[in-house]
N, C-alpha and C. Protein backbone atom coordinates (compact mmCIF):
# COMPACT_ATOMS: atom_id res chain seq x y z
N MET A 1 -34.63 -30.88 13.73
CA MET A 1 -34.85 -28.97 12.20
C MET A 1 -35.55 -28.37 12.81
N GLN A 2 -35.99 -27.92 14.03
CA GLN A 2 -36.04 -26.56 14.88
C GLN A 2 -34.70 -25.83 14.82
N GLY A 3 -33.59 -26.61 15.09
CA GLY A 3 -32.39 -26.48 15.90
C GLY A 3 -32.16 -25.44 14.97
N ALA A 4 -32.13 -25.93 13.60
CA ALA A 4 -31.33 -25.54 11.96
C ALA A 4 -32.16 -24.29 12.19
N TRP A 5 -32.58 -23.69 12.57
CA TRP A 5 -33.80 -22.51 12.10
C TRP A 5 -33.45 -21.51 12.99
N ARG A 6 -33.16 -21.79 14.25
CA ARG A 6 -32.39 -20.77 15.27
C ARG A 6 -30.62 -20.07 14.73
N LEU A 7 -30.45 -21.13 13.84
CA LEU A 7 -28.87 -20.70 13.19
C LEU A 7 -28.55 -20.13 12.55
N VAL A 8 -30.05 -20.21 11.69
CA VAL A 8 -29.61 -19.04 10.39
C VAL A 8 -29.47 -17.72 10.78
N PRO A 9 -30.27 -17.02 11.61
CA PRO A 9 -30.56 -15.42 11.57
C PRO A 9 -28.49 -14.93 12.06
N LEU A 10 -28.34 -15.90 12.88
CA LEU A 10 -27.13 -16.14 13.47
C LEU A 10 -25.88 -16.16 12.32
N LEU A 11 -26.27 -16.94 10.98
CA LEU A 11 -25.19 -17.40 10.10
C LEU A 11 -25.44 -16.35 8.93
N VAL A 12 -26.73 -15.55 8.93
CA VAL A 12 -26.56 -13.78 8.03
C VAL A 12 -25.89 -13.09 8.63
N LEU A 13 -25.87 -12.73 9.87
CA LEU A 13 -25.36 -11.57 10.71
C LEU A 13 -24.08 -12.23 10.58
N GLY A 14 -23.60 -13.31 11.04
CA GLY A 14 -22.08 -13.30 10.84
C GLY A 14 -21.73 -13.01 9.35
N LEU A 15 -21.91 -13.30 8.30
CA LEU A 15 -21.59 -13.12 6.99
C LEU A 15 -21.99 -11.52 6.46
N ALA A 16 -22.63 -11.18 7.08
CA ALA A 16 -23.04 -9.30 7.07
C ALA A 16 -21.69 -8.69 7.66
N TRP A 17 -21.57 -9.38 8.93
CA TRP A 17 -20.57 -8.75 9.21
C TRP A 17 -18.63 -8.69 8.52
N SER A 18 -18.53 -10.11 8.18
CA SER A 18 -17.46 -10.46 7.42
C SER A 18 -17.36 -9.51 6.47
N LEU A 19 -18.68 -9.22 5.97
CA LEU A 19 -18.74 -8.89 4.29
C LEU A 19 -17.98 -7.52 4.67
N GLN A 20 -18.72 -6.59 5.70
CA GLN A 20 -18.23 -5.05 5.98
C GLN A 20 -16.90 -5.16 6.37
N MET A 21 -16.36 -6.34 7.32
CA MET A 21 -14.50 -6.15 7.45
C MET A 21 -14.12 -6.03 5.98
N GLY A 22 -14.35 -6.56 5.04
CA GLY A 22 -13.46 -6.51 3.79
C GLY A 22 -12.60 -7.68 3.66
N PRO A 23 -11.87 -8.10 3.20
CA PRO A 23 -11.61 -9.50 2.68
C PRO A 23 -10.74 -9.68 3.80
N VAL A 24 -9.97 -10.76 3.77
CA VAL A 24 -8.89 -10.57 5.41
C VAL A 24 -7.89 -11.57 4.31
N LEU A 25 -6.74 -10.86 4.32
CA LEU A 25 -5.61 -11.12 3.35
C LEU A 25 -4.49 -12.21 4.17
N PRO A 26 -4.26 -13.33 4.11
CA PRO A 26 -3.14 -13.85 5.02
C PRO A 26 -1.79 -12.92 4.69
N GLU A 27 -1.41 -13.10 5.94
CA GLU A 27 0.54 -12.58 5.58
C GLU A 27 1.16 -13.34 5.20
N PRO A 28 2.16 -13.39 4.47
CA PRO A 28 3.09 -14.34 3.59
C PRO A 28 3.95 -14.68 4.87
N LEU A 29 3.90 -16.19 4.11
CA LEU A 29 4.43 -16.73 5.70
C LEU A 29 6.47 -16.84 5.37
N ILE A 30 6.95 -16.06 6.41
CA ILE A 30 8.23 -15.38 6.25
C ILE A 30 8.55 -16.15 7.47
N LEU A 31 9.78 -16.87 7.07
CA LEU A 31 10.35 -17.37 9.15
C LEU A 31 11.46 -15.80 9.16
N ILE A 32 11.89 -15.61 10.32
CA ILE A 32 12.09 -14.59 10.87
C ILE A 32 12.96 -15.09 11.64
N GLN A 33 13.92 -14.48 12.14
CA GLN A 33 15.32 -14.68 12.92
C GLN A 33 14.35 -15.35 14.31
N GLU A 34 15.08 -16.40 15.07
CA GLU A 34 14.09 -16.64 15.94
C GLU A 34 14.97 -15.57 17.49
N ASN A 35 14.22 -15.73 18.34
CA ASN A 35 14.74 -14.61 19.47
C ASN A 35 15.00 -13.10 19.05
N PHE A 36 15.08 -12.93 18.21
CA PHE A 36 15.61 -11.50 17.38
C PHE A 36 16.03 -10.61 18.66
N ASP A 37 17.11 -10.31 18.55
CA ASP A 37 17.66 -9.58 19.68
C ASP A 37 17.93 -7.90 18.88
N LEU A 38 17.33 -6.93 19.04
CA LEU A 38 17.45 -5.64 18.03
C LEU A 38 18.75 -5.05 18.48
N SER A 39 19.27 -5.23 20.04
CA SER A 39 20.47 -4.28 20.42
C SER A 39 21.31 -4.88 19.70
N ARG A 40 21.34 -6.51 19.43
CA ARG A 40 22.67 -6.86 19.08
C ARG A 40 22.50 -6.98 17.34
N PHE A 41 21.57 -6.56 16.70
CA PHE A 41 21.63 -6.18 15.24
C PHE A 41 22.07 -4.70 14.99
N MET A 42 22.13 -3.47 15.68
CA MET A 42 22.48 -2.59 15.66
C MET A 42 23.85 -2.43 15.19
N GLY A 43 24.61 -1.10 14.87
CA GLY A 43 25.66 -0.89 14.90
C GLY A 43 26.31 -1.10 12.86
N LYS A 44 26.94 -1.01 13.08
CA LYS A 44 27.94 -1.56 10.86
C LYS A 44 27.60 -2.20 10.56
N TRP A 45 27.14 -2.54 9.51
CA TRP A 45 26.88 -3.23 8.83
C TRP A 45 27.10 -2.93 7.14
N TYR A 46 27.45 -4.01 6.05
CA TYR A 46 28.00 -3.77 4.90
C TYR A 46 27.16 -4.79 4.01
N GLU A 47 26.35 -4.16 3.10
CA GLU A 47 25.73 -4.43 2.54
C GLU A 47 26.45 -5.12 0.97
N LEU A 48 26.64 -6.62 0.84
CA LEU A 48 27.74 -7.26 0.52
C LEU A 48 26.87 -7.91 -1.03
N ALA A 49 25.71 -8.32 -0.60
CA ALA A 49 25.14 -8.56 -2.23
C ALA A 49 23.60 -9.02 -2.13
N VAL A 50 22.95 -8.44 -3.12
CA VAL A 50 21.54 -7.83 -3.36
C VAL A 50 20.65 -8.49 -5.07
N ILE A 51 19.00 -9.20 -4.89
CA ILE A 51 18.55 -9.46 -5.74
C ILE A 51 17.69 -8.74 -5.78
N SER A 52 16.85 -8.42 -6.21
CA SER A 52 15.46 -8.05 -6.36
C SER A 52 14.29 -8.45 -7.64
N THR A 53 13.42 -8.11 -7.70
CA THR A 53 12.29 -8.72 -8.64
C THR A 53 12.10 -7.69 -9.33
N CYS A 54 12.76 -6.15 -8.91
CA CYS A 54 11.97 -5.24 -9.75
C CYS A 54 13.41 -4.73 -10.88
N PRO A 55 13.32 -4.13 -11.86
CA PRO A 55 14.28 -4.67 -13.24
C PRO A 55 14.89 -3.42 -13.23
N HIS A 56 14.21 -1.96 -12.29
CA HIS A 56 14.56 -0.68 -12.16
C HIS A 56 15.51 -0.66 -10.98
N PHE A 57 15.72 -1.43 -10.09
CA PHE A 57 16.55 -1.89 -9.34
C PHE A 57 17.52 -2.55 -9.61
N MET A 58 17.77 -3.52 -10.59
CA MET A 58 18.26 -4.33 -10.27
C MET A 58 19.37 -3.73 -11.69
N GLN A 59 19.27 -3.21 -12.85
CA GLN A 59 19.96 -2.25 -13.93
C GLN A 59 20.61 -1.09 -13.03
N ARG A 60 20.01 -0.31 -11.94
CA ARG A 60 20.60 0.90 -11.48
C ARG A 60 21.54 0.43 -10.43
N LYS A 61 21.61 -1.10 -10.08
CA LYS A 61 22.89 -1.79 -8.97
C LYS A 61 23.73 -2.37 -10.16
N ARG A 62 23.18 -2.92 -10.85
CA ARG A 62 24.35 -3.04 -11.81
C ARG A 62 25.27 -2.59 -12.46
N GLY A 63 24.62 -1.15 -12.53
CA GLY A 63 25.44 0.25 -13.09
C GLY A 63 26.75 0.31 -11.96
N ASN A 64 26.35 0.68 -10.71
CA ASN A 64 27.16 1.42 -9.45
C ASN A 64 26.55 -0.24 -8.54
N PRO A 65 27.36 -0.87 -8.98
CA PRO A 65 27.48 -2.19 -7.67
C PRO A 65 28.56 -2.04 -6.23
N VAL A 66 28.68 -1.17 -5.35
CA VAL A 66 29.61 -0.95 -5.13
C VAL A 66 29.20 -1.63 -3.55
N ILE A 67 29.61 -1.43 -2.49
CA ILE A 67 29.27 -1.91 -1.79
C ILE A 67 29.03 -0.82 -0.60
N VAL A 68 27.87 -0.60 0.13
CA VAL A 68 27.18 0.32 0.82
C VAL A 68 27.50 -0.02 2.51
N ALA A 69 28.42 0.65 3.17
CA ALA A 69 27.98 0.82 4.26
C ALA A 69 27.10 1.37 5.42
N LEU A 70 26.49 0.35 6.32
CA LEU A 70 24.93 1.01 6.84
C LEU A 70 25.55 1.42 8.72
N GLU A 71 25.09 2.16 9.09
CA GLU A 71 25.27 1.84 10.29
C GLU A 71 23.56 2.91 11.10
N MET A 72 23.56 1.77 11.77
CA MET A 72 21.99 1.64 12.34
C MET A 72 22.03 1.73 13.99
N GLN A 73 20.95 2.69 14.26
CA GLN A 73 21.56 3.22 15.53
C GLN A 73 20.21 3.51 16.02
N HIS A 74 19.43 2.85 17.39
CA HIS A 74 18.12 3.08 18.35
C HIS A 74 18.52 3.67 19.55
N VAL A 75 17.41 4.22 19.63
CA VAL A 75 17.36 4.53 20.96
C VAL A 75 16.39 4.02 22.19
N ALA A 76 16.37 3.54 23.24
CA ALA A 76 15.87 2.15 23.84
C ALA A 76 14.48 2.25 23.92
N SER A 77 14.12 4.02 23.98
CA SER A 77 12.96 4.26 24.36
C SER A 77 11.96 4.77 23.23
N GLU A 78 12.79 4.34 22.40
CA GLU A 78 12.20 4.75 20.99
C GLU A 78 11.55 3.75 20.19
N SER A 79 10.35 3.76 18.88
CA SER A 79 9.70 2.65 18.59
C SER A 79 10.44 2.30 17.29
N ASN A 80 11.08 3.08 17.01
CA ASN A 80 11.76 3.14 15.74
C ASN A 80 13.73 3.15 15.65
N PHE A 81 14.07 2.87 14.40
CA PHE A 81 15.63 2.80 14.35
C PHE A 81 15.90 3.70 12.94
N THR A 82 16.95 3.82 13.08
CA THR A 82 17.37 5.03 11.96
C THR A 82 18.72 4.21 11.45
N THR A 83 18.78 3.88 10.14
CA THR A 83 19.64 3.63 9.32
C THR A 83 20.53 4.58 8.13
N THR A 84 21.58 4.65 8.56
CA THR A 84 22.47 5.94 7.76
C THR A 84 23.45 4.74 6.27
N ALA A 85 23.03 5.22 5.61
CA ALA A 85 23.46 4.45 4.35
C ALA A 85 24.92 5.16 4.32
N THR A 86 26.06 4.65 3.38
CA THR A 86 27.04 5.91 2.94
C THR A 86 27.20 4.65 1.49
N SER A 87 27.60 5.12 0.55
CA SER A 87 28.14 4.93 -0.88
C SER A 87 28.61 5.81 -1.51
N PHE A 88 29.46 4.93 -2.34
CA PHE A 88 30.24 5.38 -3.34
C PHE A 88 29.39 5.65 -4.39
N ARG A 89 29.51 6.98 -4.92
CA ARG A 89 28.52 7.40 -6.09
C ARG A 89 28.92 8.22 -7.25
N ASN A 90 29.40 8.25 -8.30
CA ASN A 90 29.83 9.52 -9.23
C ASN A 90 30.78 10.06 -8.64
N GLY A 91 31.93 9.41 -7.56
CA GLY A 91 33.65 9.88 -7.35
C GLY A 91 33.34 10.52 -6.34
N THR A 92 32.49 10.47 -5.78
CA THR A 92 31.80 11.06 -4.30
C THR A 92 30.95 10.17 -3.23
N CYS A 93 31.28 10.50 -1.96
CA CYS A 93 30.57 9.67 -0.87
C CYS A 93 28.97 9.97 -0.90
N LYS A 94 28.37 9.53 -0.87
CA LYS A 94 27.00 10.16 -0.48
C LYS A 94 26.62 9.46 0.79
N GLN A 95 25.21 10.11 1.40
CA GLN A 95 24.86 9.16 2.37
C GLN A 95 23.18 9.76 2.77
N LYS A 96 22.69 8.92 3.10
CA LYS A 96 21.35 8.60 3.30
C LYS A 96 20.64 7.95 4.37
N SER A 97 19.48 8.71 5.01
CA SER A 97 19.50 8.06 6.16
C SER A 97 17.67 7.80 5.95
N THR A 98 17.46 6.53 6.86
CA THR A 98 16.13 5.66 6.78
C THR A 98 15.65 5.52 8.11
N GLY A 99 14.23 6.19 8.24
CA GLY A 99 13.93 5.92 9.70
C GLY A 99 12.88 4.57 9.61
N TYR A 100 13.41 3.42 9.95
CA TYR A 100 12.56 2.15 10.41
C TYR A 100 11.56 2.12 11.63
N ASP A 101 10.60 1.44 11.42
CA ASP A 101 9.32 1.87 12.39
C ASP A 101 9.29 0.39 13.13
N LEU A 102 9.41 0.31 14.40
CA LEU A 102 9.74 -1.28 14.42
C LEU A 102 8.14 -1.62 14.69
N THR A 103 7.56 -2.95 15.06
CA THR A 103 6.76 -3.46 15.14
C THR A 103 6.19 -4.44 16.19
N ASN A 104 5.35 -4.93 16.46
CA ASN A 104 5.19 -6.33 17.26
C ASN A 104 6.00 -7.58 17.21
N THR A 105 6.28 -7.42 16.18
CA THR A 105 7.34 -8.90 15.57
C THR A 105 8.95 -8.45 15.59
N PRO A 106 9.42 -9.00 16.41
CA PRO A 106 11.12 -8.73 16.41
C PRO A 106 11.90 -9.25 15.26
N GLY A 107 12.01 -8.47 14.64
CA GLY A 107 12.39 -8.62 13.64
C GLY A 107 11.95 -8.63 12.00
N ARG A 108 11.18 -7.84 12.30
CA ARG A 108 10.18 -6.92 11.18
C ARG A 108 9.87 -5.77 11.45
N PHE A 109 10.23 -4.98 10.39
CA PHE A 109 10.16 -3.39 10.53
C PHE A 109 9.54 -2.83 9.55
N PHE A 110 9.26 -1.37 8.93
CA PHE A 110 8.58 -0.56 8.15
C PHE A 110 9.14 0.51 7.76
N TYR A 111 9.34 0.55 6.49
CA TYR A 111 9.52 2.08 6.32
C TYR A 111 8.97 2.84 5.06
N TYR A 112 8.93 4.04 4.84
CA TYR A 112 8.58 4.21 3.48
C TYR A 112 9.71 4.56 2.32
N ILE A 113 9.61 4.45 0.94
CA ILE A 113 10.17 5.05 0.03
C ILE A 113 9.56 6.50 -0.72
N GLU A 114 9.88 7.41 -0.49
CA GLU A 114 9.00 8.93 -1.17
C GLU A 114 9.73 8.45 -2.46
N ARG A 115 10.58 8.55 -2.35
CA ARG A 115 11.19 8.15 -4.61
C ARG A 115 9.98 7.76 -4.98
N PHE A 116 9.74 6.55 -4.67
CA PHE A 116 8.72 5.78 -5.49
C PHE A 116 7.44 5.37 -4.75
N ARG A 117 7.21 6.10 -3.32
CA ARG A 117 5.86 5.81 -2.91
C ARG A 117 5.82 4.58 -2.88
N ALA A 118 6.34 3.92 -1.92
CA ALA A 118 6.07 2.33 -1.89
C ALA A 118 6.68 2.20 -0.12
N ASP A 119 5.79 1.65 0.03
CA ASP A 119 5.69 0.63 1.36
C ASP A 119 6.67 -0.05 1.68
N VAL A 120 7.34 -0.41 2.99
CA VAL A 120 8.21 -1.99 2.62
C VAL A 120 8.27 -2.47 3.96
N ASP A 121 7.95 -3.31 3.81
CA ASP A 121 8.28 -4.33 5.11
C ASP A 121 9.38 -5.58 5.11
N ALA A 122 10.03 -5.11 6.27
CA ALA A 122 11.16 -5.75 5.75
C ALA A 122 11.56 -6.74 7.19
N PHE A 123 12.20 -7.67 6.51
CA PHE A 123 12.41 -9.15 7.81
C PHE A 123 13.58 -9.33 7.99
N VAL A 124 14.08 -9.53 9.23
CA VAL A 124 15.56 -10.04 9.39
C VAL A 124 15.08 -11.79 9.34
N VAL A 125 16.06 -12.48 7.96
CA VAL A 125 15.46 -13.73 7.94
C VAL A 125 16.62 -14.73 9.08
N HIS A 126 17.72 -14.01 8.61
CA HIS A 126 18.53 -14.80 9.50
C HIS A 126 19.81 -14.10 9.62
N THR A 127 20.03 -14.14 11.33
CA THR A 127 21.81 -13.76 10.92
C THR A 127 22.33 -13.85 12.60
N ASN A 128 23.42 -14.25 12.80
CA ASN A 128 24.41 -14.77 13.66
C ASN A 128 24.51 -13.54 14.77
N TYR A 129 24.52 -12.16 14.09
CA TYR A 129 24.99 -10.57 14.66
C TYR A 129 26.19 -10.48 14.44
N ASP A 130 26.88 -11.55 14.60
CA ASP A 130 28.80 -11.32 14.54
C ASP A 130 29.45 -11.03 12.76
N GLU A 131 28.50 -11.64 12.35
CA GLU A 131 28.94 -12.10 11.26
C GLU A 131 27.86 -11.59 9.85
N TYR A 132 27.06 -12.12 9.85
CA TYR A 132 26.35 -11.59 8.40
C TYR A 132 24.73 -11.32 9.14
N ALA A 133 23.99 -10.83 8.33
CA ALA A 133 22.35 -10.95 8.81
C ALA A 133 21.98 -10.88 7.02
N MET A 134 20.90 -11.68 6.79
CA MET A 134 19.62 -11.53 5.78
C MET A 134 18.68 -11.26 5.42
N MET A 135 18.65 -10.34 4.95
CA MET A 135 17.35 -9.32 4.98
C MET A 135 15.92 -9.81 4.09
N LEU A 136 14.62 -9.81 4.08
CA LEU A 136 14.03 -9.64 3.44
C LEU A 136 12.51 -8.72 2.71
N LEU A 137 12.94 -8.09 1.99
CA LEU A 137 12.23 -6.64 1.51
C LEU A 137 10.98 -6.84 0.94
N LEU A 138 9.82 -6.48 1.29
CA LEU A 138 8.87 -6.71 0.22
C LEU A 138 8.14 -4.94 0.30
N SER A 139 8.01 -4.90 -1.18
CA SER A 139 7.16 -3.55 -0.89
C SER A 139 5.98 -3.58 -1.55
N ILE A 140 5.01 -2.50 -1.97
CA ILE A 140 4.26 -2.00 -2.82
C ILE A 140 4.29 -0.74 -2.73
N GLU A 141 4.41 -0.28 -4.17
CA GLU A 141 4.20 1.15 -4.30
C GLU A 141 2.94 1.23 -4.89
N GLN A 142 2.63 2.52 -4.47
CA GLN A 142 1.24 3.61 -4.89
C GLN A 142 1.45 4.55 -5.95
N PRO A 143 0.51 4.52 -6.40
CA PRO A 143 -0.63 3.55 -6.82
C PRO A 143 -1.10 2.34 -7.33
N SER A 144 0.26 2.04 -8.44
CA SER A 144 0.52 1.33 -9.24
C SER A 144 -0.01 -0.08 -8.78
N GLY A 145 0.57 0.08 -6.97
CA GLY A 145 0.52 -1.51 -6.59
C GLY A 145 1.04 -2.33 -6.96
N ASN A 146 2.49 -2.20 -7.83
CA ASN A 146 3.62 -2.82 -7.92
C ASN A 146 3.97 -3.28 -6.54
N LYS A 147 4.80 -4.86 -6.88
CA LYS A 147 4.73 -5.60 -5.92
C LYS A 147 6.95 -6.03 -5.97
N THR A 148 7.23 -5.71 -5.10
CA THR A 148 8.80 -6.21 -5.35
C THR A 148 8.90 -6.91 -4.17
N THR A 149 10.23 -8.12 -4.61
CA THR A 149 11.11 -8.83 -3.33
C THR A 149 12.12 -8.95 -3.26
N THR A 150 12.72 -8.38 -2.32
CA THR A 150 14.64 -7.49 -2.58
C THR A 150 14.83 -8.34 -1.37
N VAL A 151 16.07 -9.44 -1.49
CA VAL A 151 16.88 -9.97 -0.97
C VAL A 151 18.09 -9.44 -0.52
N LYS A 152 18.28 -9.20 0.70
CA LYS A 152 19.89 -8.82 0.98
C LYS A 152 21.00 -9.39 1.53
N LEU A 153 22.16 -9.56 1.51
CA LEU A 153 23.30 -9.89 2.25
C LEU A 153 24.03 -9.18 3.33
N TYR A 154 23.83 -8.76 4.56
CA TYR A 154 24.70 -7.83 5.00
C TYR A 154 26.03 -8.29 6.11
N SER A 155 27.06 -7.88 5.97
CA SER A 155 28.16 -8.54 6.96
C SER A 155 28.31 -7.61 7.89
N ARG A 156 29.23 -7.56 8.68
CA ARG A 156 30.22 -6.42 9.30
C ARG A 156 31.61 -6.72 9.18
N ALA A 157 31.97 -6.96 7.77
CA ALA A 157 33.17 -6.97 7.35
C ALA A 157 32.84 -6.98 5.64
N ILE A 158 33.77 -6.80 5.32
CA ILE A 158 33.32 -6.27 3.67
C ILE A 158 33.62 -8.22 2.90
N ASN A 159 33.61 -8.83 3.69
CA ASN A 159 34.29 -10.22 3.06
C ASN A 159 32.70 -11.22 3.81
N VAL A 160 32.51 -12.52 3.11
CA VAL A 160 31.72 -13.29 3.91
C VAL A 160 32.17 -14.82 3.75
N THR A 161 31.89 -15.45 4.54
CA THR A 161 32.63 -16.94 4.26
C THR A 161 31.86 -17.98 2.36
N ALA A 162 32.29 -18.67 2.09
CA ALA A 162 31.52 -19.41 1.25
C ALA A 162 30.16 -20.05 1.52
N ALA A 163 29.91 -20.77 2.98
CA ALA A 163 28.81 -21.19 3.46
C ALA A 163 27.69 -19.95 3.94
N VAL A 164 28.11 -18.87 4.25
CA VAL A 164 26.86 -17.92 4.03
C VAL A 164 26.33 -17.29 3.23
N LEU A 165 27.75 -17.72 1.64
CA LEU A 165 27.45 -17.01 0.57
C LEU A 165 26.17 -18.31 0.23
N ASP A 166 26.38 -19.36 0.41
CA ASP A 166 25.30 -20.44 -0.21
C ASP A 166 23.91 -20.63 0.65
N SER A 167 24.32 -19.79 1.93
CA SER A 167 22.74 -19.94 2.93
C SER A 167 22.09 -18.89 2.10
N PHE A 168 22.83 -17.65 1.50
CA PHE A 168 22.01 -16.47 0.84
C PHE A 168 21.48 -16.98 -0.26
N LYS A 169 22.07 -17.86 -0.88
CA LYS A 169 21.64 -17.90 -2.11
C LYS A 169 20.66 -19.09 -2.33
N THR A 170 20.57 -19.84 -1.11
CA THR A 170 19.36 -20.63 -0.77
C THR A 170 18.11 -19.98 -0.60
N LEU A 171 17.78 -18.85 0.28
CA LEU A 171 17.28 -18.11 0.57
C LEU A 171 16.82 -17.58 -0.24
N VAL A 172 17.39 -17.21 -1.71
CA VAL A 172 17.30 -16.04 -3.21
C VAL A 172 16.24 -17.36 -4.06
N ARG A 173 16.64 -18.48 -3.92
CA ARG A 173 15.84 -19.72 -4.91
C ARG A 173 14.36 -19.91 -3.85
N GLN A 174 14.58 -19.77 -2.60
CA GLN A 174 13.11 -19.77 -1.89
C GLN A 174 12.27 -19.10 -2.16
N HIS A 175 12.91 -17.92 -2.62
CA HIS A 175 11.68 -16.42 -2.59
C HIS A 175 11.62 -16.36 -4.40
N GLY A 176 11.89 -17.56 -5.11
CA GLY A 176 11.36 -17.59 -6.56
C GLY A 176 12.50 -16.75 -6.98
N MET A 177 13.58 -16.47 -7.07
CA MET A 177 14.39 -15.66 -7.57
C MET A 177 15.60 -16.44 -8.05
N SER A 178 16.52 -16.60 -9.29
CA SER A 178 17.71 -17.00 -9.88
C SER A 178 18.65 -16.33 -8.73
N ASP A 179 20.03 -17.21 -8.00
CA ASP A 179 20.75 -17.13 -7.97
C ASP A 179 22.36 -16.66 -8.45
N ASP A 180 21.91 -16.92 -9.66
CA ASP A 180 22.79 -16.65 -10.73
C ASP A 180 22.56 -14.61 -10.71
N ALA A 181 21.08 -14.28 -10.62
CA ALA A 181 20.91 -12.82 -10.91
C ALA A 181 21.37 -12.15 -9.84
N VAL A 182 22.07 -12.90 -8.36
CA VAL A 182 22.71 -11.67 -7.55
C VAL A 182 23.66 -11.09 -7.99
N ILE A 183 23.60 -9.71 -7.08
CA ILE A 183 24.83 -8.83 -7.83
C ILE A 183 25.35 -8.83 -6.13
N MET A 184 26.76 -9.01 -6.02
CA MET A 184 27.54 -8.81 -5.58
C MET A 184 28.58 -7.68 -5.90
N ASN A 185 28.32 -6.73 -4.43
CA ASN A 185 28.67 -5.67 -4.55
C ASN A 185 30.46 -5.76 -4.56
N GLN A 186 30.80 -4.76 -4.94
CA GLN A 186 32.47 -4.40 -5.13
C GLN A 186 32.77 -3.82 -4.02
N ASN A 187 33.96 -3.86 -3.60
CA ASN A 187 34.68 -3.44 -2.29
C ASN A 187 35.10 -2.04 -2.90
N GLU A 188 34.32 -1.21 -2.75
CA GLU A 188 35.03 0.21 -2.98
C GLU A 188 33.76 1.12 -1.61
N VAL A 189 34.48 1.00 -0.52
CA VAL A 189 33.61 1.33 0.43
C VAL A 189 34.33 3.09 0.32
N CYS A 190 33.45 3.75 0.50
CA CYS A 190 33.98 5.36 1.45
C CYS A 190 34.67 5.18 2.53
N SER A 191 35.97 5.73 2.70
CA SER A 191 36.98 5.77 3.55
C SER A 191 36.32 6.54 5.22
N ARG A 192 35.42 7.28 5.27
CA ARG A 192 34.77 7.30 6.49
C ARG A 192 34.08 6.90 6.65
N SER A 193 33.55 5.68 5.75
CA SER A 193 32.55 4.55 6.70
C SER A 193 33.33 3.22 6.76
N ARG A 194 34.67 3.21 6.85
CA ARG A 194 35.26 1.82 7.17
C ARG A 194 35.82 1.59 8.65
């Protein structure tokens, strides 16, 4: 019984310390490409399919479901990489560059969308580097706190096999979305991005 009284001050100190630290939220359980190789992931990709829990994004994408050409570049000494997206909108080719910060977890990146004041946590869920990549994007808009899940299918060519598309739809369902709502981008690639 005397030993139990010695533990009480330690438990009180531990509780006080944990309350000062704030709640610890678990990270989402997300499977990332095993043995991810950033250098093999760099280069040219095409965004062929997309789905999101954000109704505004889906409405905008349905209105202009064109294939987006992506050029990813990384300088080995840097802790980030740049993606330049080229798409055909309103009769012209438009380009936009985004900087992705690398993390300690290979295949996981962070970036910020100024327009929506959103922090985005991006994961390469699966890739074979030469044919396709499946991306999971989790974002939180500030100050509203709105959370969005987006799943994208990238390809090195402007098409993918039926098996890859089936795997992508399985991933979509695993994240609580209907594969019937997936937007398949159309073949309107800017001539300078081919």
